[in-house]
Amino acid sequence: MDTSTRTMLRLFCQLGLAGGEKPLLRKIALSEADFWNEAQAAFLAEAVAEDSDWCHQFRIINKTTDYPF
């Protein structure tokens, strides 16, 4: 069982992102952004559907970007 603390950095590492990706320009679900690959989008959508430990980080993204997760 993974007991590491869920942070924004760990979320983006989990998604294989190092930063520098283009921002969202319209209101869409986080998992629907065009910069995710299929596996990343599936991870995000599944995490939200299951209300996983990552949802806290998605809420932070939502709060700071005003985009729904």
Protein backbone atom coordinates (compact mmCIF):
# COMPACT_ATOMS: atom_id res chain seq x y z
CA MET A 1 0.00 0.00 0.00
CA ASP A 2 1.30 3.41 -0.97
CA THR A 3 1.34 5.66 2.10
CA SER A 4 3.20 8.61 0.58
CA THR A 5 1.74 12.08 1.01
CA ARG A 6 -0.30 13.27 -1.96
CA THR A 7 1.17 16.53 -3.24
CA MET A 8 0.88 18.52 -6.46
CA LEU A 9 4.43 17.54 -7.37
CA ARG A 10 3.68 13.84 -6.83
CA LEU A 11 0.48 14.17 -8.88
CA PHE A 12 2.34 15.57 -11.87
CA CYS A 13 5.11 13.01 -11.44
CA GLN A 14 2.42 10.29 -11.35
CA LEU A 15 1.15 11.69 -14.64
CA GLY A 16 4.65 11.81 -16.11
CA LEU A 17 4.78 15.58 -16.42
CA ALA A 18 7.78 17.74 -15.67
CA GLY A 19 6.06 21.10 -16.13
CA GLY A 20 5.89 23.61 -18.92
CA GLU A 21 2.67 22.23 -20.39
CA LYS A 22 0.28 24.72 -21.94
CA PRO A 23 -2.52 26.03 -19.70
CA LEU A 24 -6.20 25.27 -20.00
CA LEU A 25 -7.89 28.03 -21.93
CA ARG A 26 -11.53 27.05 -21.45
CA LYS A 27 -13.61 25.46 -18.72
CA ILE A 28 -13.41 21.69 -19.14
CA ALA A 29 -13.01 18.75 -16.82
CA LEU A 30 -9.36 18.31 -15.89
CA SER A 31 -9.32 14.84 -17.43
CA GLU A 32 -10.55 16.28 -20.75
CA ALA A 33 -7.63 18.68 -21.27
CA ASP A 34 -5.92 18.05 -24.59
CA PHE A 35 -2.41 17.84 -23.16
CA TRP A 36 -3.03 14.48 -21.39
CA ASN A 37 -2.31 11.27 -23.16
CA GLU A 38 -4.95 8.54 -23.03
CA ALA A 39 -3.49 6.85 -19.93
CA GLN A 40 -3.19 10.15 -18.02
CA ALA A 41 -6.76 11.17 -18.86
CA ALA A 42 -8.02 7.74 -17.78
CA PHE A 43 -6.09 7.98 -14.48
CA LEU A 44 -7.62 11.40 -13.74
CA ALA A 45 -11.17 10.37 -14.68
CA GLU A 46 -10.95 7.15 -12.67
CA ALA A 47 -9.48 8.92 -9.64
CA VAL A 48 -12.36 11.40 -9.62
CA ALA A 49 -14.99 8.70 -10.18
CA GLU A 50 -13.61 6.72 -7.24
CA ASP A 51 -13.08 9.81 -5.04
CA SER A 52 -9.49 8.65 -4.59
CA ASP A 53 -6.75 10.14 -2.43
CA TRP A 54 -5.78 12.31 -5.41
CA CYS A 55 -9.08 14.21 -5.37
CA HIS A 56 -7.70 16.68 -2.84
CA GLN A 57 -5.02 17.68 -5.35
CA PHE A 58 -7.64 17.98 -8.10
CA ARG A 59 -9.62 20.33 -5.87
CA ILE A 60 -6.48 22.46 -5.42
CA ILE A 61 -6.08 22.61 -9.20
CA ASN A 62 -9.76 23.49 -9.52
CA LYS A 63 -9.47 26.23 -6.92
CA THR A 64 -6.35 27.77 -8.43
CA THR A 65 -7.51 27.54 -12.06
CA ASP A 66 -11.29 27.81 -11.67
CA TYR A 67 -11.72 24.68 -13.79
CA PRO A 68 -13.88 21.70 -12.77
CA PHE A 69 -12.07 18.47 -12.08
